[in-house]
Amino acid sequence: MTRCPLPEGYAIRSATVADIEALDPIRTAAFRPVFASFRRLVGDEIAPYAFDGAEEEQGDYFRKTLDADDPHRCAVAETDGELAGFVCWTIKDGGEMGILAFMFVAPAHQGFGLGAALTDYACDAMRDAGAKAVEVGTGNDESHGPARAAYRRAGFTREVPSVYLYKKL
């Protein structure tokens, strides 16, 4: 199995609730192009309905993953005391199917293989917990290109195409 090495100078550790304050602006910056892309793709007539409040909803979901009673497990990448990325995963009931729920890297730290290394870290944790396979969902638009590349570098090779269709009423 091909491994994605952790870039030199970075370390990965378990995330804590105390990391939220530093991670939330990173999440916001990393996903800004994604939400902008979604709004462009559906157009001005639909975007206010389809994506109004999307960033806030994602932020709420992200913060929930770090609650002690939430089934997600999360880790951060850091360098010189600065948080650079985040990965979060869970395992479906039954324990054999893992789900990579979140992965993002601060824009200043993108392009060095950190996303793929975080993905490998999460996959290793799910394998250690008994998972036999892992799924991750991502967009097929241009803004998700770096995420798709990171997942592919980490060995995700099977794809199920899907499409979201929108209509103005």
N, C-alpha and C. Protein backbone atom coordinates (compact mmCIF):
# COMPACT_ATOMS: atom_id res chain seq x y z
N MET A 1 0.85 -1.18 0.00
CA MET A 1 0.00 0.00 0.00
C MET A 1 0.89 1.24 0.00
N THR A 2 0.57 2.19 -0.85
CA THR A 2 1.31 3.44 -0.91
C THR A 2 0.96 4.30 0.29
N ARG A 3 1.97 4.84 0.92
CA ARG A 3 1.76 5.72 2.07
C ARG A 3 2.05 7.15 1.66
N CYS A 4 1.31 8.07 2.20
CA CYS A 4 1.53 9.49 1.94
C CYS A 4 2.31 10.05 3.13
N PRO A 5 3.57 10.37 2.92
CA PRO A 5 4.38 10.82 4.05
C PRO A 5 3.92 12.16 4.60
N LEU A 6 4.06 12.31 5.89
CA LEU A 6 3.78 13.58 6.54
C LEU A 6 4.89 14.55 6.13
N PRO A 7 4.53 15.71 5.60
CA PRO A 7 5.58 16.66 5.20
C PRO A 7 6.49 17.00 6.38
N GLU A 8 7.75 17.22 6.08
CA GLU A 8 8.73 17.53 7.11
C GLU A 8 8.30 18.77 7.90
N GLY A 9 8.47 18.69 9.21
CA GLY A 9 8.14 19.81 10.09
C GLY A 9 6.72 19.79 10.62
N TYR A 10 5.91 18.82 10.18
CA TYR A 10 4.52 18.72 10.64
C TYR A 10 4.38 17.54 11.58
N ALA A 11 3.41 17.64 12.47
CA ALA A 11 3.04 16.53 13.35
C ALA A 11 1.52 16.44 13.37
N ILE A 12 1.00 15.25 13.62
CA ILE A 12 -0.44 15.03 13.74
C ILE A 12 -0.72 14.55 15.14
N ARG A 13 -1.76 15.11 15.75
CA ARG A 13 -2.18 14.72 17.09
C ARG A 13 -3.70 14.75 17.17
N SER A 14 -4.23 14.16 18.23
CA SER A 14 -5.68 14.20 18.44
C SER A 14 -6.14 15.64 18.63
N ALA A 15 -7.28 15.96 18.05
CA ALA A 15 -7.86 17.29 18.20
C ALA A 15 -8.58 17.38 19.53
N THR A 16 -8.66 18.58 20.06
CA THR A 16 -9.39 18.83 21.30
C THR A 16 -10.36 19.99 21.09
N VAL A 17 -11.29 20.13 21.99
CA VAL A 17 -12.24 21.24 21.93
C VAL A 17 -11.49 22.56 21.96
N ALA A 18 -10.36 22.61 22.64
CA ALA A 18 -9.57 23.84 22.71
C ALA A 18 -9.03 24.27 21.34
N ASP A 19 -9.01 23.37 20.37
CA ASP A 19 -8.52 23.70 19.03
C ASP A 19 -9.54 24.44 18.18
N ILE A 20 -10.80 24.44 18.58
CA ILE A 20 -11.87 25.01 17.75
C ILE A 20 -11.58 26.45 17.36
N GLU A 21 -11.16 27.26 18.31
CA GLU A 21 -10.95 28.69 18.03
C GLU A 21 -9.94 28.90 16.90
N ALA A 22 -8.88 28.11 16.88
CA ALA A 22 -7.88 28.24 15.81
C ALA A 22 -8.31 27.54 14.53
N LEU A 23 -9.07 26.46 14.65
CA LEU A 23 -9.46 25.69 13.46
C LEU A 23 -10.59 26.33 12.67
N ASP A 24 -11.52 26.99 13.33
CA ASP A 24 -12.69 27.50 12.62
C ASP A 24 -12.31 28.49 11.51
N PRO A 25 -11.38 29.42 11.74
CA PRO A 25 -11.00 30.30 10.62
C PRO A 25 -10.29 29.54 9.48
N ILE A 26 -9.57 28.48 9.82
CA ILE A 26 -8.93 27.66 8.79
C ILE A 26 -10.00 26.95 7.96
N ARG A 27 -11.00 26.38 8.64
CA ARG A 27 -12.11 25.72 7.93
C ARG A 27 -12.80 26.72 7.01
N THR A 28 -13.08 27.89 7.53
CA THR A 28 -13.76 28.91 6.74
C THR A 28 -12.96 29.26 5.49
N ALA A 29 -11.66 29.49 5.65
CA ALA A 29 -10.81 29.86 4.51
C ALA A 29 -10.69 28.70 3.51
N ALA A 30 -10.56 27.48 4.02
CA ALA A 30 -10.39 26.33 3.13
C ALA A 30 -11.65 26.06 2.31
N PHE A 31 -12.82 26.32 2.88
CA PHE A 31 -14.07 26.03 2.18
C PHE A 31 -14.67 27.25 1.46
N ARG A 32 -14.08 28.42 1.62
CA ARG A 32 -14.60 29.61 0.94
C ARG A 32 -14.72 29.39 -0.57
N PRO A 33 -13.69 28.85 -1.25
CA PRO A 33 -13.83 28.62 -2.69
C PRO A 33 -14.89 27.58 -3.04
N VAL A 34 -15.13 26.64 -2.14
CA VAL A 34 -16.13 25.60 -2.39
C VAL A 34 -17.52 26.21 -2.41
N PHE A 35 -17.84 26.98 -1.38
CA PHE A 35 -19.17 27.58 -1.33
C PHE A 35 -19.36 28.61 -2.45
N ALA A 36 -18.30 29.32 -2.80
CA ALA A 36 -18.40 30.25 -3.93
C ALA A 36 -18.66 29.49 -5.23
N SER A 37 -17.99 28.36 -5.40
CA SER A 37 -18.19 27.53 -6.59
C SER A 37 -19.62 27.02 -6.65
N PHE A 38 -20.12 26.51 -5.54
CA PHE A 38 -21.49 26.01 -5.52
C PHE A 38 -22.48 27.11 -5.93
N ARG A 39 -22.27 28.30 -5.39
CA ARG A 39 -23.19 29.39 -5.71
C ARG A 39 -23.11 29.76 -7.20
N ARG A 40 -21.90 29.76 -7.76
CA ARG A 40 -21.75 30.04 -9.19
C ARG A 40 -22.44 28.96 -10.03
N LEU A 41 -22.26 27.72 -9.63
CA LEU A 41 -22.81 26.61 -10.40
C LEU A 41 -24.33 26.61 -10.46
N VAL A 42 -24.99 26.94 -9.36
CA VAL A 42 -26.45 26.93 -9.37
C VAL A 42 -27.04 28.27 -9.83
N GLY A 43 -26.23 29.33 -9.80
CA GLY A 43 -26.68 30.63 -10.28
C GLY A 43 -27.37 31.46 -9.22
N ASP A 44 -27.49 32.74 -9.54
CA ASP A 44 -28.04 33.72 -8.59
C ASP A 44 -29.50 33.47 -8.23
N GLU A 45 -30.25 32.82 -9.12
CA GLU A 45 -31.67 32.59 -8.84
C GLU A 45 -31.89 31.52 -7.78
N ILE A 46 -30.96 30.57 -7.68
CA ILE A 46 -31.14 29.44 -6.77
C ILE A 46 -30.22 29.51 -5.56
N ALA A 47 -29.04 30.08 -5.71
CA ALA A 47 -28.04 30.09 -4.63
C ALA A 47 -28.58 30.57 -3.28
N PRO A 48 -29.38 31.64 -3.25
CA PRO A 48 -29.85 32.08 -1.93
C PRO A 48 -30.70 31.03 -1.19
N TYR A 49 -31.36 30.18 -1.95
CA TYR A 49 -32.20 29.16 -1.34
C TYR A 49 -31.41 27.90 -1.02
N ALA A 50 -30.54 27.53 -1.93
CA ALA A 50 -29.80 26.28 -1.78
C ALA A 50 -28.66 26.40 -0.78
N PHE A 51 -28.04 27.58 -0.69
CA PHE A 51 -26.83 27.69 0.12
C PHE A 51 -26.86 28.81 1.13
N ASP A 52 -28.03 29.40 1.38
CA ASP A 52 -28.13 30.42 2.42
C ASP A 52 -27.81 29.78 3.77
N GLY A 53 -26.84 30.30 4.45
CA GLY A 53 -26.46 29.77 5.75
C GLY A 53 -25.61 28.52 5.70
N ALA A 54 -25.14 28.12 4.52
CA ALA A 54 -24.37 26.87 4.40
C ALA A 54 -23.09 26.90 5.22
N GLU A 55 -22.39 28.03 5.22
CA GLU A 55 -21.15 28.12 5.99
C GLU A 55 -21.41 27.95 7.48
N GLU A 56 -22.49 28.56 7.97
CA GLU A 56 -22.83 28.44 9.38
C GLU A 56 -23.23 27.01 9.74
N GLU A 57 -24.01 26.38 8.86
CA GLU A 57 -24.39 24.98 9.10
C GLU A 57 -23.17 24.08 9.15
N GLN A 58 -22.24 24.29 8.22
CA GLN A 58 -21.02 23.49 8.23
C GLN A 58 -20.22 23.76 9.50
N GLY A 59 -20.15 25.01 9.92
CA GLY A 59 -19.44 25.36 11.15
C GLY A 59 -20.05 24.67 12.36
N ASP A 60 -21.37 24.64 12.43
CA ASP A 60 -22.05 23.96 13.53
C ASP A 60 -21.71 22.47 13.53
N TYR A 61 -21.75 21.86 12.35
CA TYR A 61 -21.43 20.43 12.23
C TYR A 61 -19.97 20.18 12.64
N PHE A 62 -19.07 21.02 12.15
CA PHE A 62 -17.66 20.89 12.50
C PHE A 62 -17.46 20.96 14.02
N ARG A 63 -18.03 21.96 14.67
CA ARG A 63 -17.85 22.10 16.12
C ARG A 63 -18.43 20.91 16.88
N LYS A 64 -19.54 20.37 16.38
CA LYS A 64 -20.17 19.20 17.01
C LYS A 64 -19.25 17.99 16.99
N THR A 65 -18.45 17.85 15.93
CA THR A 65 -17.58 16.67 15.83
C THR A 65 -16.55 16.62 16.94
N LEU A 66 -16.28 17.75 17.58
CA LEU A 66 -15.30 17.77 18.66
C LEU A 66 -15.92 17.61 20.04
N ASP A 67 -17.24 17.47 20.12
CA ASP A 67 -17.89 17.20 21.41
C ASP A 67 -17.48 15.83 21.90
N ALA A 68 -17.27 15.72 23.19
CA ALA A 68 -16.83 14.45 23.77
C ALA A 68 -17.81 13.32 23.52
N ASP A 69 -19.12 13.61 23.47
CA ASP A 69 -20.12 12.55 23.29
C ASP A 69 -20.43 12.27 21.82
N ASP A 70 -19.77 12.94 20.90
CA ASP A 70 -19.99 12.72 19.48
C ASP A 70 -19.16 11.51 19.04
N PRO A 71 -19.68 10.68 18.13
CA PRO A 71 -18.93 9.49 17.71
C PRO A 71 -17.75 9.77 16.79
N HIS A 72 -17.61 10.99 16.28
CA HIS A 72 -16.48 11.32 15.42
C HIS A 72 -15.18 11.36 16.21
N ARG A 73 -14.10 11.01 15.55
CA ARG A 73 -12.75 11.16 16.09
C ARG A 73 -12.04 12.12 15.17
N CYS A 74 -11.22 12.99 15.73
CA CYS A 74 -10.61 14.05 14.94
C CYS A 74 -9.14 14.23 15.30
N ALA A 75 -8.38 14.70 14.34
CA ALA A 75 -6.96 14.98 14.54
C ALA A 75 -6.60 16.26 13.83
N VAL A 76 -5.53 16.90 14.31
CA VAL A 76 -5.02 18.12 13.70
C VAL A 76 -3.58 17.91 13.26
N ALA A 77 -3.20 18.65 12.24
CA ALA A 77 -1.81 18.73 11.83
C ALA A 77 -1.31 20.09 12.29
N GLU A 78 -0.09 20.11 12.81
CA GLU A 78 0.47 21.37 13.25
C GLU A 78 1.96 21.44 12.90
N THR A 79 2.43 22.66 12.83
CA THR A 79 3.84 22.91 12.59
C THR A 79 4.23 24.14 13.40
N ASP A 80 5.28 24.03 14.16
CA ASP A 80 5.76 25.14 15.00
C ASP A 80 4.64 25.75 15.84
N GLY A 81 3.78 24.90 16.40
CA GLY A 81 2.69 25.35 17.25
C GLY A 81 1.51 25.94 16.52
N GLU A 82 1.54 25.98 15.20
CA GLU A 82 0.45 26.53 14.39
C GLU A 82 -0.36 25.38 13.80
N LEU A 83 -1.68 25.45 13.95
CA LEU A 83 -2.53 24.44 13.34
C LEU A 83 -2.59 24.67 11.83
N ALA A 84 -2.45 23.58 11.08
CA ALA A 84 -2.37 23.67 9.63
C ALA A 84 -3.45 22.86 8.93
N GLY A 85 -4.06 21.89 9.62
CA GLY A 85 -5.06 21.06 8.98
C GLY A 85 -5.84 20.25 9.98
N PHE A 86 -6.88 19.59 9.48
CA PHE A 86 -7.82 18.88 10.33
C PHE A 86 -8.40 17.71 9.56
N VAL A 87 -8.63 16.61 10.26
CA VAL A 87 -9.31 15.46 9.67
C VAL A 87 -10.24 14.88 10.73
N CYS A 88 -11.37 14.37 10.28
CA CYS A 88 -12.38 13.84 11.19
C CYS A 88 -13.02 12.63 10.55
N TRP A 89 -13.27 11.60 11.34
CA TRP A 89 -13.83 10.37 10.81
C TRP A 89 -14.75 9.71 11.84
N THR A 90 -15.52 8.76 11.36
CA THR A 90 -16.37 7.95 12.23
C THR A 90 -16.50 6.57 11.59
N ILE A 91 -17.04 5.66 12.35
CA ILE A 91 -17.26 4.31 11.83
C ILE A 91 -18.74 4.00 11.99
N LYS A 92 -19.35 3.53 10.90
CA LYS A 92 -20.78 3.17 10.93
C LYS A 92 -21.01 2.05 11.93
N ASP A 93 -22.25 2.00 12.43
CA ASP A 93 -22.63 0.89 13.31
C ASP A 93 -22.26 -0.42 12.65
N GLY A 94 -21.74 -1.32 13.41
CA GLY A 94 -21.28 -2.59 12.86
C GLY A 94 -19.76 -2.62 12.76
N GLY A 95 -19.15 -1.45 12.65
CA GLY A 95 -17.72 -1.34 12.77
C GLY A 95 -16.85 -1.67 11.58
N GLU A 96 -17.44 -1.97 10.41
CA GLU A 96 -16.59 -2.34 9.29
C GLU A 96 -16.53 -1.30 8.18
N MET A 97 -17.33 -0.23 8.27
CA MET A 97 -17.32 0.81 7.25
C MET A 97 -16.99 2.14 7.89
N GLY A 98 -15.85 2.70 7.51
CA GLY A 98 -15.44 4.01 8.01
C GLY A 98 -15.94 5.11 7.09
N ILE A 99 -16.09 6.29 7.66
CA ILE A 99 -16.51 7.45 6.90
C ILE A 99 -15.56 8.60 7.23
N LEU A 100 -14.92 9.12 6.23
CA LEU A 100 -14.09 10.31 6.39
C LEU A 100 -15.04 11.49 6.25
N ALA A 101 -15.28 12.19 7.35
CA ALA A 101 -16.31 13.21 7.39
C ALA A 101 -15.80 14.60 6.99
N PHE A 102 -14.59 14.92 7.37
CA PHE A 102 -14.04 16.26 7.16
C PHE A 102 -12.55 16.13 6.94
N MET A 103 -12.03 16.91 6.04
CA MET A 103 -10.59 17.07 5.93
C MET A 103 -10.36 18.43 5.30
N PHE A 104 -9.58 19.26 5.95
CA PHE A 104 -9.23 20.54 5.35
C PHE A 104 -7.83 20.94 5.79
N VAL A 105 -7.21 21.72 4.92
CA VAL A 105 -5.86 22.21 5.16
C VAL A 105 -5.88 23.72 4.95
N ALA A 106 -5.22 24.44 5.83
CA ALA A 106 -5.13 25.90 5.69
C ALA A 106 -4.51 26.24 4.34
N PRO A 107 -5.05 27.25 3.66
CA PRO A 107 -4.53 27.59 2.34
C PRO A 107 -3.00 27.74 2.28
N ALA A 108 -2.39 28.31 3.30
CA ALA A 108 -0.93 28.50 3.30
C ALA A 108 -0.16 27.18 3.39
N HIS A 109 -0.84 26.11 3.78
CA HIS A 109 -0.18 24.82 3.95
C HIS A 109 -0.61 23.80 2.89
N GLN A 110 -1.39 24.24 1.91
CA GLN A 110 -1.84 23.34 0.85
C GLN A 110 -0.74 23.12 -0.18
N GLY A 111 -0.79 21.99 -0.84
CA GLY A 111 0.14 21.70 -1.91
C GLY A 111 1.40 20.97 -1.49
N PHE A 112 1.48 20.55 -0.22
CA PHE A 112 2.67 19.85 0.28
C PHE A 112 2.40 18.39 0.61
N GLY A 113 1.15 17.94 0.39
CA GLY A 113 0.79 16.57 0.71
C GLY A 113 0.20 16.38 2.09
N LEU A 114 -0.08 17.48 2.77
CA LEU A 114 -0.63 17.38 4.13
C LEU A 114 -2.03 16.77 4.14
N GLY A 115 -2.86 17.11 3.16
CA GLY A 115 -4.21 16.54 3.10
C GLY A 115 -4.18 15.03 2.94
N ALA A 116 -3.30 14.54 2.08
CA ALA A 116 -3.18 13.09 1.90
C ALA A 116 -2.64 12.42 3.16
N ALA A 117 -1.69 13.07 3.83
CA ALA A 117 -1.14 12.51 5.08
C ALA A 117 -2.21 12.46 6.17
N LEU A 118 -3.02 13.50 6.27
CA LEU A 118 -4.12 13.49 7.24
C LEU A 118 -5.12 12.39 6.91
N THR A 119 -5.40 12.22 5.63
CA THR A 119 -6.32 11.17 5.20
C THR A 119 -5.77 9.80 5.58
N ASP A 120 -4.50 9.56 5.34
CA ASP A 120 -3.87 8.29 5.75
C ASP A 120 -3.98 8.08 7.25
N TYR A 121 -3.75 9.14 8.01
CA TYR A 121 -3.83 9.05 9.48
C TYR A 121 -5.21 8.56 9.90
N ALA A 122 -6.25 9.18 9.33
CA ALA A 122 -7.63 8.79 9.67
C ALA A 122 -7.91 7.35 9.23
N CYS A 123 -7.44 6.97 8.04
CA CYS A 123 -7.66 5.60 7.55
C CYS A 123 -6.97 4.59 8.45
N ASP A 124 -5.76 4.91 8.90
CA ASP A 124 -5.06 4.02 9.83
C ASP A 124 -5.86 3.84 11.12
N ALA A 125 -6.40 4.94 11.63
CA ALA A 125 -7.20 4.87 12.87
C ALA A 125 -8.45 4.03 12.67
N MET A 126 -9.10 4.19 11.51
CA MET A 126 -10.30 3.39 11.24
C MET A 126 -9.95 1.92 11.07
N ARG A 127 -8.84 1.63 10.39
CA ARG A 127 -8.39 0.24 10.23
C ARG A 127 -8.11 -0.37 11.61
N ASP A 128 -7.42 0.38 12.46
CA ASP A 128 -7.11 -0.10 13.81
C ASP A 128 -8.36 -0.36 14.63
N ALA A 129 -9.44 0.36 14.32
CA ALA A 129 -10.71 0.19 15.02
C ALA A 129 -11.57 -0.90 14.40
N GLY A 130 -11.07 -1.55 13.34
CA GLY A 130 -11.79 -2.68 12.75
C GLY A 130 -12.46 -2.42 11.42
N ALA A 131 -12.38 -1.19 10.90
CA ALA A 131 -13.01 -0.91 9.61
C ALA A 131 -12.29 -1.67 8.50
N LYS A 132 -13.06 -2.12 7.52
CA LYS A 132 -12.53 -2.85 6.37
C LYS A 132 -12.51 -1.99 5.11
N ALA A 133 -13.28 -0.89 5.10
CA ALA A 133 -13.34 0.01 3.96
C ALA A 133 -13.71 1.40 4.46
N VAL A 134 -13.43 2.40 3.64
CA VAL A 134 -13.71 3.80 4.01
C VAL A 134 -14.33 4.51 2.82
N GLU A 135 -15.28 5.37 3.10
CA GLU A 135 -15.87 6.21 2.07
C GLU A 135 -15.63 7.67 2.42
N VAL A 136 -15.53 8.48 1.38
CA VAL A 136 -15.46 9.92 1.55
C VAL A 136 -16.25 10.54 0.41
N GLY A 137 -17.00 11.56 0.72
CA GLY A 137 -17.74 12.28 -0.30
C GLY A 137 -17.06 13.60 -0.59
N THR A 138 -17.01 13.97 -1.85
CA THR A 138 -16.44 15.25 -2.24
C THR A 138 -17.09 15.70 -3.53
N GLY A 139 -16.96 16.96 -3.82
CA GLY A 139 -17.56 17.49 -5.03
C GLY A 139 -16.73 17.19 -6.27
N ASN A 140 -17.37 17.28 -7.42
CA ASN A 140 -16.67 17.06 -8.68
C ASN A 140 -16.40 18.39 -9.40
N ASP A 141 -16.65 19.49 -8.71
CA ASP A 141 -16.39 20.80 -9.30
C ASP A 141 -14.91 21.16 -9.12
N GLU A 142 -14.50 22.23 -9.78
CA GLU A 142 -13.10 22.65 -9.76
C GLU A 142 -12.60 22.92 -8.34
N SER A 143 -13.44 23.50 -7.49
CA SER A 143 -12.99 23.86 -6.14
C SER A 143 -12.62 22.65 -5.29
N HIS A 144 -13.14 21.49 -5.63
CA HIS A 144 -12.82 20.27 -4.89
C HIS A 144 -11.63 19.51 -5.48
N GLY A 145 -11.04 20.03 -6.53
CA GLY A 145 -9.90 19.37 -7.17
C GLY A 145 -8.78 19.00 -6.21
N PRO A 146 -8.34 19.92 -5.33
CA PRO A 146 -7.28 19.56 -4.39
C PRO A 146 -7.69 18.43 -3.43
N ALA A 147 -8.93 18.44 -3.00
CA ALA A 147 -9.39 17.37 -2.10
C ALA A 147 -9.41 16.03 -2.83
N ARG A 148 -9.95 16.03 -4.05
CA ARG A 148 -9.95 14.77 -4.83
C ARG A 148 -8.54 14.26 -5.03
N ALA A 149 -7.61 15.15 -5.32
CA ALA A 149 -6.21 14.74 -5.52
C ALA A 149 -5.64 14.14 -4.24
N ALA A 150 -5.92 14.75 -3.11
CA ALA A 150 -5.42 14.23 -1.83
C ALA A 150 -6.00 12.85 -1.55
N TYR A 151 -7.29 12.68 -1.78
CA TYR A 151 -7.92 11.38 -1.54
C TYR A 151 -7.35 10.32 -2.47
N ARG A 152 -7.15 10.68 -3.72
CA ARG A 152 -6.58 9.72 -4.67
C ARG A 152 -5.15 9.35 -4.28
N ARG A 153 -4.35 10.34 -3.84
CA ARG A 153 -2.98 10.03 -3.39
C ARG A 153 -3.01 9.08 -2.20
N ALA A 154 -4.06 9.18 -1.39
CA ALA A 154 -4.19 8.32 -0.21
C ALA A 154 -4.83 6.98 -0.55
N GLY A 155 -5.05 6.70 -1.84
CA GLY A 155 -5.50 5.38 -2.26
C GLY A 155 -6.98 5.23 -2.54
N PHE A 156 -7.75 6.29 -2.51
CA PHE A 156 -9.17 6.20 -2.85
C PHE A 156 -9.28 6.13 -4.37
N THR A 157 -9.65 4.98 -4.89
CA THR A 157 -9.67 4.79 -6.33
C THR A 157 -11.03 4.38 -6.88
N ARG A 158 -11.96 3.99 -6.04
CA ARG A 158 -13.28 3.57 -6.50
C ARG A 158 -14.23 4.75 -6.35
N GLU A 159 -14.95 5.06 -7.42
CA GLU A 159 -15.84 6.23 -7.40
C GLU A 159 -17.25 5.85 -7.79
N VAL A 160 -18.22 6.47 -7.12
CA VAL A 160 -19.62 6.38 -7.48
C VAL A 160 -20.05 7.78 -7.91
N PRO A 161 -20.27 7.97 -9.21
CA PRO A 161 -20.67 9.31 -9.66
C PRO A 161 -22.05 9.66 -9.13
N SER A 162 -22.21 10.92 -8.80
CA SER A 162 -23.52 11.41 -8.39
C SER A 162 -23.65 12.85 -8.85
N VAL A 163 -24.88 13.29 -8.94
CA VAL A 163 -25.16 14.65 -9.41
C VAL A 163 -26.27 15.21 -8.55
N TYR A 164 -26.13 16.47 -8.17
CA TYR A 164 -27.20 17.20 -7.51
C TYR A 164 -27.79 18.13 -8.57
N LEU A 165 -29.07 18.07 -8.75
CA LEU A 165 -29.74 18.89 -9.75
C LEU A 165 -30.62 19.92 -9.04
N TYR A 166 -30.69 21.11 -9.59
CA TYR A 166 -31.47 22.21 -8.99
C TYR A 166 -32.44 22.77 -10.01
N LYS A 167 -33.55 23.30 -9.49
CA LYS A 167 -34.57 23.90 -10.36
C LYS A 167 -35.20 25.06 -9.59
N LYS A 168 -35.33 26.17 -10.25
CA LYS A 168 -36.01 27.32 -9.66
C LYS A 168 -37.51 27.13 -9.83
N LEU A 169 -38.23 27.29 -8.77
CA LEU A 169 -39.71 27.16 -8.83
C LEU A 169 -40.37 28.51 -8.97
